[in-house]
N, C-alpha and C. Protein backbone atom coordinates (compact mmCIF):
# COMPACT_ATOMS: atom_id res chain seq x y z
N MET A 1 212.66 153.56 216.51
CA MET A 1 212.01 151.97 215.34
C MET A 1 210.95 152.37 214.53
N ALA A 2 211.27 151.90 213.09
CA ALA A 2 210.28 152.44 212.45
C ALA A 2 208.84 151.70 212.90
N SER A 3 207.77 152.04 212.73
CA SER A 3 206.15 151.36 212.94
C SER A 3 205.94 150.87 211.90
N PRO A 4 205.24 149.75 211.84
CA PRO A 4 204.71 148.74 211.18
C PRO A 4 203.20 149.64 211.00
N ARG A 5 203.22 149.64 209.62
CA ARG A 5 201.67 150.09 209.05
C ARG A 5 200.85 148.54 208.24
N PHE A 6 199.89 148.44 208.76
CA PHE A 6 199.44 147.47 208.38
C PHE A 6 197.85 147.23 208.22
N LEU A 7 197.22 146.83 207.08
CA LEU A 7 195.93 146.64 207.28
C LEU A 7 195.74 145.47 206.95
N LEU A 8 194.58 144.80 207.90
CA LEU A 8 194.44 143.47 207.78
C LEU A 8 193.08 143.33 207.50
N ALA A 9 193.14 142.13 206.80
CA ALA A 9 191.34 141.83 206.11
C ALA A 9 191.25 140.20 206.57
N PHE A 10 190.60 140.12 207.63
CA PHE A 10 190.09 138.71 207.61
C PHE A 10 188.53 138.35 208.08
N LEU A 11 187.97 137.40 207.76
CA LEU A 11 186.55 137.22 207.64
C LEU A 11 186.13 137.36 209.05
N LEU A 12 185.15 137.33 209.43
CA LEU A 12 184.49 137.39 210.78
C LEU A 12 184.20 135.74 211.14
N PRO A 13 184.44 135.32 212.62
CA PRO A 13 184.10 134.10 212.39
C PRO A 13 182.36 133.93 212.19
N LEU A 14 181.70 134.93 212.20
CA LEU A 14 180.03 134.62 212.11
C LEU A 14 179.90 134.62 210.40
N LEU A 15 180.75 135.10 209.84
CA LEU A 15 180.85 134.69 208.13
C LEU A 15 181.49 133.33 207.78
N ALA A 16 182.58 133.30 208.40
CA ALA A 16 183.28 131.61 208.32
C ALA A 16 183.59 131.33 209.60
N PRO A 17 182.39 130.34 210.21
CA PRO A 17 182.56 129.67 211.49
C PRO A 17 184.13 128.83 212.03
N ASN A 18 184.35 128.36 210.96
CA ASN A 18 185.97 127.81 210.96
C ASN A 18 187.04 128.60 210.72
N PHE A 19 186.76 129.77 210.50
CA PHE A 19 188.13 130.88 210.27
C PHE A 19 188.22 131.23 211.72
N ILE A 20 189.63 131.19 212.04
CA ILE A 20 189.87 131.97 213.33
C ILE A 20 191.19 133.23 212.78
N SER A 21 190.89 134.35 213.33
CA SER A 21 191.97 135.12 212.96
C SER A 21 193.42 135.47 214.10
N CYS A 22 194.43 135.80 213.15
CA CYS A 22 195.57 136.33 214.33
C CYS A 22 195.37 137.42 214.95
N SER A 23 196.41 137.21 216.06
CA SER A 23 196.31 138.60 216.99
C SER A 23 197.21 139.15 216.90
N PRO A 24 197.07 140.29 216.45
CA PRO A 24 197.70 141.51 216.06
C PRO A 24 198.46 141.99 217.44
N VAL A 25 199.55 142.50 217.41
CA VAL A 25 200.57 143.27 218.67
C VAL A 25 199.81 144.45 218.95
N GLN A 26 199.82 144.41 220.24
CA GLN A 26 199.17 145.60 220.88
C GLN A 26 199.82 147.08 220.49
N ASP A 27 201.19 147.17 220.62
CA ASP A 27 201.81 148.03 220.63
C ASP A 27 202.95 147.60 219.54
N PRO A 28 202.70 148.59 218.08
CA PRO A 28 203.38 148.12 217.20
C PRO A 28 205.28 148.64 217.00
N GLU A 29 205.20 149.85 218.31
CA GLU A 29 206.46 150.31 218.62
C GLU A 29 207.38 149.30 219.26
N LYS A 30 206.72 148.32 219.73
CA LYS A 30 207.41 147.19 220.39
C LYS A 30 207.41 145.96 220.18
N VAL A 31 207.48 145.92 218.69
CA VAL A 31 207.66 144.47 217.74
C VAL A 31 209.04 143.80 217.92
N VAL A 32 208.86 142.89 218.63
CA VAL A 32 209.91 142.15 219.04
C VAL A 32 210.30 141.00 217.97
N GLN A 33 209.00 140.14 218.42
CA GLN A 33 208.75 138.85 217.54
C GLN A 33 208.35 138.83 216.33
N GLU A 34 206.82 138.96 216.53
CA GLU A 34 205.99 138.85 215.33
C GLU A 34 205.05 140.04 214.93
N VAL A 35 204.49 139.98 214.03
CA VAL A 35 203.26 140.84 214.23
C VAL A 35 201.78 140.10 214.26
N HIS A 36 201.85 139.05 213.82
CA HIS A 36 200.89 138.14 214.07
C HIS A 36 201.20 136.53 214.70
N GLU A 37 200.49 136.21 215.80
CA GLU A 37 200.61 134.64 216.00
C GLU A 37 199.24 134.13 215.71
N CYS A 38 199.61 133.25 214.65
CA CYS A 38 198.63 132.03 214.60
C CYS A 38 198.22 130.65 214.78
N ARG A 39 197.41 130.39 215.63
CA ARG A 39 196.99 128.94 216.22
C ARG A 39 196.21 128.43 215.48
N HIS A 40 196.12 127.27 215.36
CA HIS A 40 194.72 126.42 215.22
C HIS A 40 194.21 127.46 214.18
N GLY A 41 193.46 126.43 213.01
CA GLY A 41 192.59 127.39 212.27
C GLY A 41 193.30 127.51 210.88
N TYR A 42 192.77 128.70 210.25
CA TYR A 42 193.17 129.37 208.72
C TYR A 42 192.84 130.81 208.84
N PHE A 43 194.41 131.06 208.03
CA PHE A 43 194.66 132.39 208.39
C PHE A 43 194.62 133.20 207.00
N HIS A 44 194.01 134.10 206.45
CA HIS A 44 194.26 134.85 205.37
C HIS A 44 195.13 136.32 205.73
N VAL A 45 196.73 136.13 205.32
CA VAL A 45 197.33 137.65 205.83
C VAL A 45 197.47 138.51 204.30
N VAL A 46 196.74 139.61 204.29
CA VAL A 46 196.62 139.56 202.75
C VAL A 46 196.72 141.24 202.93
N ASN A 47 197.63 141.84 201.84
CA ASN A 47 198.01 143.50 201.96
C ASN A 47 198.42 144.20 203.32
N ASN A 48 198.97 143.61 203.90
CA ASN A 48 200.07 144.08 204.56
C ASN A 48 200.95 144.92 204.48
N ASP A 49 201.78 145.88 205.12
CA ASP A 49 202.61 146.41 204.97
C ASP A 49 203.55 146.17 206.40
N TYR A 50 204.51 145.32 205.94
CA TYR A 50 205.42 144.97 207.41
C TYR A 50 206.59 145.55 207.01
N THR A 51 206.98 146.77 207.78
CA THR A 51 208.36 147.78 207.80
C THR A 51 209.34 147.15 208.77
N HIS A 52 208.95 146.80 209.84
CA HIS A 52 209.76 146.33 210.73
C HIS A 52 209.54 144.98 211.40
N TRP A 53 210.50 144.25 211.87
CA TRP A 53 210.48 143.12 212.75
C TRP A 53 211.74 142.98 213.16
N GLU A 54 211.84 142.29 214.32
CA GLU A 54 213.16 142.10 214.80
C GLU A 54 213.63 140.83 214.87
N MET A 55 212.63 139.71 215.01
CA MET A 55 212.95 138.47 214.70
C MET A 55 212.37 137.81 213.82
N TYR A 56 210.93 138.06 213.52
CA TYR A 56 209.99 137.48 212.52
C TYR A 56 208.75 138.33 212.35
N ALA A 57 207.98 137.86 211.34
CA ALA A 57 206.74 139.27 211.07
C ALA A 57 205.44 138.17 211.27
N ILE A 58 205.59 136.74 211.03
CA ILE A 58 204.45 136.12 211.28
C ILE A 58 204.98 134.85 212.03
N GLY A 59 204.23 134.64 212.94
CA GLY A 59 204.23 133.25 213.83
C GLY A 59 203.24 132.35 213.60
N GLY A 60 203.66 130.98 213.87
CA GLY A 60 202.62 130.26 214.00
C GLY A 60 202.86 128.76 214.58
N SER A 61 201.96 128.27 215.83
CA SER A 61 201.80 126.88 215.82
C SER A 61 200.56 126.27 216.24
N ALA A 62 200.62 125.07 216.65
CA ALA A 62 199.45 124.14 216.37
C ALA A 62 198.83 124.33 214.86
N SER A 63 199.67 123.70 213.85
CA SER A 63 199.41 123.20 212.62
C SER A 63 198.05 124.59 212.31
N PRO A 64 198.68 125.70 212.02
CA PRO A 64 197.25 126.63 211.34
C PRO A 64 197.97 126.51 209.77
N THR A 65 196.73 127.05 209.07
CA THR A 65 196.93 127.10 207.78
C THR A 65 197.21 128.68 207.39
N ILE A 66 198.34 129.22 206.97
CA ILE A 66 198.78 130.63 206.54
C ILE A 66 198.89 130.68 205.19
N ASN A 67 197.54 131.68 204.51
CA ASN A 67 197.95 132.04 203.15
C ASN A 67 198.25 133.47 203.16
N SER A 68 199.74 133.93 202.61
CA SER A 68 200.21 134.94 202.89
C SER A 68 199.59 135.59 201.21
N GLN A 69 199.07 136.90 201.04
CA GLN A 69 199.20 137.25 199.65
C GLN A 69 198.91 138.64 199.69
N GLY A 70 199.66 139.49 199.01
CA GLY A 70 200.10 140.90 198.78
C GLY A 70 200.36 141.72 199.65
N ASN A 71 201.22 141.11 200.33
CA ASN A 71 201.81 141.50 201.13
C ASN A 71 203.51 142.21 200.92
N ARG A 72 203.68 143.46 201.50
CA ARG A 72 204.94 143.77 201.45
C ARG A 72 205.88 143.71 202.86
N PHE A 73 207.11 142.92 202.82
CA PHE A 73 207.85 142.69 203.99
C PHE A 73 209.19 143.02 203.70
N LEU A 74 209.45 144.19 204.18
CA LEU A 74 210.76 144.81 204.42
C LEU A 74 211.61 144.49 205.57
N ALA A 75 212.82 143.53 205.34
CA ALA A 75 213.46 142.96 206.61
C ALA A 75 213.98 143.80 207.08
N PRO A 76 214.70 143.54 208.54
CA PRO A 76 215.36 144.69 209.11
C PRO A 76 216.81 144.42 208.92
N ASP A 77 217.83 145.44 208.97
CA ASP A 77 219.12 145.36 208.18
C ASP A 77 220.04 143.97 208.84
N ASP A 78 219.59 143.53 210.43
CA ASP A 78 220.15 142.48 210.74
C ASP A 78 220.19 141.04 209.97
N ARG A 79 221.28 140.55 209.75
CA ARG A 79 221.36 139.47 208.25
C ARG A 79 220.56 138.38 209.24
N PHE A 80 220.63 138.00 210.42
CA PHE A 80 220.22 136.53 211.05
C PHE A 80 218.46 136.85 211.17
N ASN A 81 217.78 137.90 210.98
CA ASN A 81 216.45 138.07 210.82
C ASN A 81 215.66 138.77 209.69
N LYS A 82 216.38 138.08 208.64
CA LYS A 82 215.50 138.02 207.39
C LYS A 82 214.24 137.21 207.17
N GLU A 83 213.80 136.16 207.97
CA GLU A 83 213.08 135.14 207.59
C GLU A 83 211.56 135.66 208.14
N VAL A 84 210.55 136.05 207.30
CA VAL A 84 209.54 136.32 207.51
C VAL A 84 208.60 135.38 208.45
N THR A 85 208.71 134.34 208.65
CA THR A 85 208.03 133.62 209.00
C THR A 85 208.86 132.75 210.56
N LYS A 86 208.01 131.99 211.29
CA LYS A 86 208.64 131.13 212.53
C LYS A 86 207.57 130.45 212.92
N HIS A 87 208.00 128.70 212.44
CA HIS A 87 207.30 127.80 213.12
C HIS A 87 207.21 127.41 214.57
N GLU A 88 206.42 127.60 215.43
CA GLU A 88 207.16 127.64 216.59
C GLU A 88 206.15 126.24 217.43
N ASP A 89 206.83 126.00 218.21
CA ASP A 89 206.61 124.96 219.50
C ASP A 89 206.38 123.48 218.78
N ALA A 90 207.05 123.16 217.97
CA ALA A 90 207.08 121.71 217.28
C ALA A 90 208.29 121.68 216.63
N PRO A 91 208.67 120.39 216.20
CA PRO A 91 210.22 120.06 215.58
C PRO A 91 209.57 120.24 214.08
N GLN A 92 210.81 120.33 213.38
CA GLN A 92 210.75 120.69 211.83
C GLN A 92 210.12 119.50 211.15
N SER A 93 209.97 118.05 211.87
CA SER A 93 209.39 117.20 210.94
C SER A 93 207.83 117.15 211.15
N GLU A 94 207.32 117.69 212.37
CA GLU A 94 205.87 118.23 212.26
C GLU A 94 205.80 119.43 211.38
N TRP A 95 206.24 120.48 211.50
CA TRP A 95 205.78 121.79 210.80
C TRP A 95 206.15 121.57 209.69
N LYS A 96 206.58 120.85 209.12
CA LYS A 96 207.03 120.78 207.38
C LYS A 96 205.99 120.33 206.94
N ASN A 97 204.76 119.70 207.32
CA ASN A 97 203.11 119.78 207.10
C ASN A 97 202.18 120.61 207.03
N TRP A 98 202.34 121.66 207.81
CA TRP A 98 201.65 122.92 207.79
C TRP A 98 201.51 123.48 206.74
N ASN A 99 200.33 123.87 206.06
CA ASN A 99 200.14 124.47 205.03
C ASN A 99 200.45 126.01 205.20
N TRP A 100 201.50 126.43 204.64
CA TRP A 100 201.79 127.72 204.76
C TRP A 100 202.24 128.12 203.42
N ARG A 101 202.02 129.44 202.80
CA ARG A 101 202.41 129.64 201.52
C ARG A 101 202.15 131.34 201.52
N SER A 102 203.13 131.71 200.35
CA SER A 102 203.23 133.32 199.88
C SER A 102 203.00 133.03 198.70
N GLU A 103 202.24 134.16 198.36
CA GLU A 103 201.58 134.41 196.79
C GLU A 103 201.67 135.68 196.52
N GLY A 104 202.55 136.13 195.44
CA GLY A 104 202.66 137.97 195.25
C GLY A 104 202.85 138.61 196.53
N ASP A 105 203.59 138.07 197.29
CA ASP A 105 204.17 138.86 198.32
C ASP A 105 205.45 139.63 197.74
N LEU A 106 205.77 140.73 198.17
CA LEU A 106 207.26 141.49 197.89
C LEU A 106 207.81 141.29 198.61
N MET A 107 209.12 140.78 198.97
CA MET A 107 210.06 140.67 199.86
C MET A 107 211.68 141.90 199.48
N LEU A 108 211.83 142.28 200.48
CA LEU A 108 212.57 143.66 200.31
C LEU A 108 213.51 143.56 201.43
N ASN A 109 214.55 143.77 201.01
CA ASN A 109 216.25 143.93 201.72
C ASN A 109 216.28 142.25 202.53
N GLY A 110 216.04 141.47 201.48
CA GLY A 110 216.80 139.77 202.00
C GLY A 110 215.14 139.28 202.71
N ALA A 111 214.40 139.68 202.98
CA ALA A 111 213.17 139.13 203.39
C ALA A 111 212.76 137.68 202.62
N PHE A 112 212.53 136.78 203.31
CA PHE A 112 212.09 135.16 202.93
C PHE A 112 211.35 134.57 203.56
N PHE A 113 210.31 134.00 203.02
CA PHE A 113 209.09 133.32 203.52
C PHE A 113 209.13 131.70 203.64
N THR A 114 209.21 131.18 204.21
CA THR A 114 209.64 129.57 204.33
C THR A 114 208.05 128.89 204.33
N ALA A 115 207.99 128.65 202.72
CA ALA A 115 206.82 127.94 202.47
C ALA A 115 206.60 126.36 202.86
N THR A 116 205.84 125.76 203.69
CA THR A 116 205.54 124.37 203.65
C THR A 116 204.01 123.84 203.47
N GLY A 117 204.28 122.35 203.80
CA GLY A 117 203.05 121.67 203.36
C GLY A 117 202.71 121.67 201.73
N GLY A 118 201.11 121.86 201.71
CA GLY A 118 200.66 121.26 200.34
C GLY A 118 200.62 122.78 199.60
N SER A 119 200.87 122.62 198.34
CA SER A 119 200.97 123.69 197.26
C SER A 119 199.63 124.23 196.44
N SER A 120 198.63 123.01 196.43
CA SER A 120 197.34 123.03 195.66
C SER A 120 196.18 123.96 196.63
N SER A 121 195.73 124.76 195.34
CA SER A 121 195.06 125.83 196.00
C SER A 121 193.83 125.24 196.76
N SER A 122 193.44 124.10 196.92
CA SER A 122 192.33 123.34 197.55
C SER A 122 192.55 123.09 199.13
N SER A 123 194.13 123.42 199.49
CA SER A 123 194.81 123.13 200.61
C SER A 123 194.52 124.63 201.69
N TYR A 124 193.99 125.75 200.62
CA TYR A 124 194.41 127.13 201.31
C TYR A 124 192.46 127.50 200.96
N ALA A 125 191.79 126.86 200.63
CA ALA A 125 190.35 127.46 200.29
C ALA A 125 189.88 128.01 201.42
N ARG A 126 190.01 127.54 202.39
CA ARG A 126 189.28 127.77 203.73
C ARG A 126 190.32 129.20 204.37
N ALA A 127 191.40 129.35 203.83
CA ALA A 127 192.38 130.49 204.26
C ALA A 127 192.14 131.60 203.51
N SER A 128 190.94 131.89 202.72
CA SER A 128 190.97 132.86 201.70
C SER A 128 189.63 133.68 201.81
N SER A 129 190.03 134.85 202.23
CA SER A 129 189.11 135.87 202.54
C SER A 129 188.17 136.80 201.71
N LEU A 130 189.35 137.11 200.58
CA LEU A 130 189.05 137.96 199.76
C LEU A 130 190.48 138.29 198.73
N GLY A 131 189.91 138.91 197.50
CA GLY A 131 190.98 138.73 196.42
C GLY A 131 192.20 139.85 196.76
N ALA A 132 193.33 139.29 197.12
CA ALA A 132 194.67 140.22 197.23
C ALA A 132 194.66 141.06 195.94
N ARG A 133 195.15 142.33 196.60
CA ARG A 133 195.27 143.52 195.55
C ARG A 133 196.89 143.34 195.36
N PRO A 134 197.61 143.82 194.38
CA PRO A 134 199.07 143.41 194.16
C PRO A 134 200.17 144.21 195.26
N SER A 135 200.81 143.44 195.50
CA SER A 135 201.72 143.97 196.65
C SER A 135 202.46 145.44 196.08
N SER A 136 202.58 145.66 195.20
CA SER A 136 202.98 147.17 194.29
C SER A 136 202.04 148.33 194.94
N LEU A 137 201.00 147.79 195.19
CA LEU A 137 199.71 148.98 195.77
C LEU A 137 199.91 149.19 197.11
N ILE A 138 200.76 148.29 197.90
CA ILE A 138 200.89 148.58 199.23
C ILE A 138 200.83 150.04 199.89
N SER A 139 201.84 150.77 199.30
CA SER A 139 201.87 152.02 200.19
C SER A 139 200.54 152.84 199.47
N SER A 140 199.87 152.74 198.47
CA SER A 140 198.56 153.43 198.70
C SER A 140 197.41 152.78 199.28
N ILE A 141 197.44 151.44 199.38
CA ILE A 141 196.31 150.82 200.48
C ILE A 141 196.33 151.14 201.59
N THR A 142 198.00 151.25 202.12
CA THR A 142 197.88 151.66 203.66
C THR A 142 198.13 152.84 204.12
N SER A 143 197.94 154.00 203.05
CA SER A 143 198.17 155.56 203.38
C SER A 143 197.72 155.89 204.59
N GLY A 144 196.44 155.41 204.52
CA GLY A 144 195.77 156.06 205.92
C GLY A 144 195.86 155.15 207.12
N ALA A 145 196.50 154.04 206.69
CA ALA A 145 196.00 153.01 207.98
C ALA A 145 196.93 153.63 209.27
N GLY A 146 196.56 152.82 210.34
CA GLY A 146 196.85 153.44 211.43
C GLY A 146 195.96 153.62 212.71
N ALA A 147 196.33 154.36 213.52
CA ALA A 147 195.52 154.65 214.60
C ALA A 147 194.40 155.82 214.40
N LEU A 148 193.10 155.95 214.85
CA LEU A 148 192.22 157.31 214.42
C LEU A 148 192.75 158.28 215.06
N SER A 149 192.52 159.43 215.03
CA SER A 149 192.56 160.78 216.05
C SER A 149 191.05 161.05 216.21
N CYS A 150 190.77 160.69 217.18
CA CYS A 150 189.58 160.94 217.46
C CYS A 150 189.21 161.82 218.48
N LYS A 151 188.37 162.54 218.77
CA LYS A 151 188.18 163.55 219.93
C LYS A 151 186.75 163.31 220.66
N LYS A 152 186.69 163.44 221.72
CA LYS A 152 185.35 163.21 222.42
C LYS A 152 184.17 163.79 221.84
N SER A 153 184.06 165.09 221.58
CA SER A 153 182.96 165.88 221.12
C SER A 153 183.04 165.86 219.66
N SER A 154 183.67 165.19 218.84
CA SER A 154 183.52 165.23 216.90
C SER A 154 183.59 163.78 216.60
N ARG A 155 183.20 163.67 215.53
CA ARG A 155 183.15 162.34 214.62
C ARG A 155 184.62 162.04 214.35
N CYS A 156 184.79 160.48 214.42
CA CYS A 156 186.30 159.91 213.87
C CYS A 156 186.26 159.90 212.42
């Protein structure tokens, strides 16, 4: 199974008290559902490289605002698992009003993002932490991403 490489960029709660970050998967080799689970609050998913997921890449519940920008999503070959997003724990009549958008994301191998809610920039102002780089630069941005190879007696 391919290992997802991603670079997360979120504001710390100290810098933006109303900003809550998503929880990344602990073991990327065992990604089954999502790389991020976003609950309550505002999330800026920016310049990540999602190379594999089995069910979906970004899941959310409890009415989060998700602003996805400049990411690359490579869907699995399974034709039933091409959707990037998963709205959880709510009927469609409720989650269709959650503010989720994809802007400048690169969708590969049939990947698609289900945008919902408002489309005005003001809806996403609190879910923006920095300027996204173009998704065409993801390979160079994430080339050094991953776990550090640190040894006890040397600097990382």
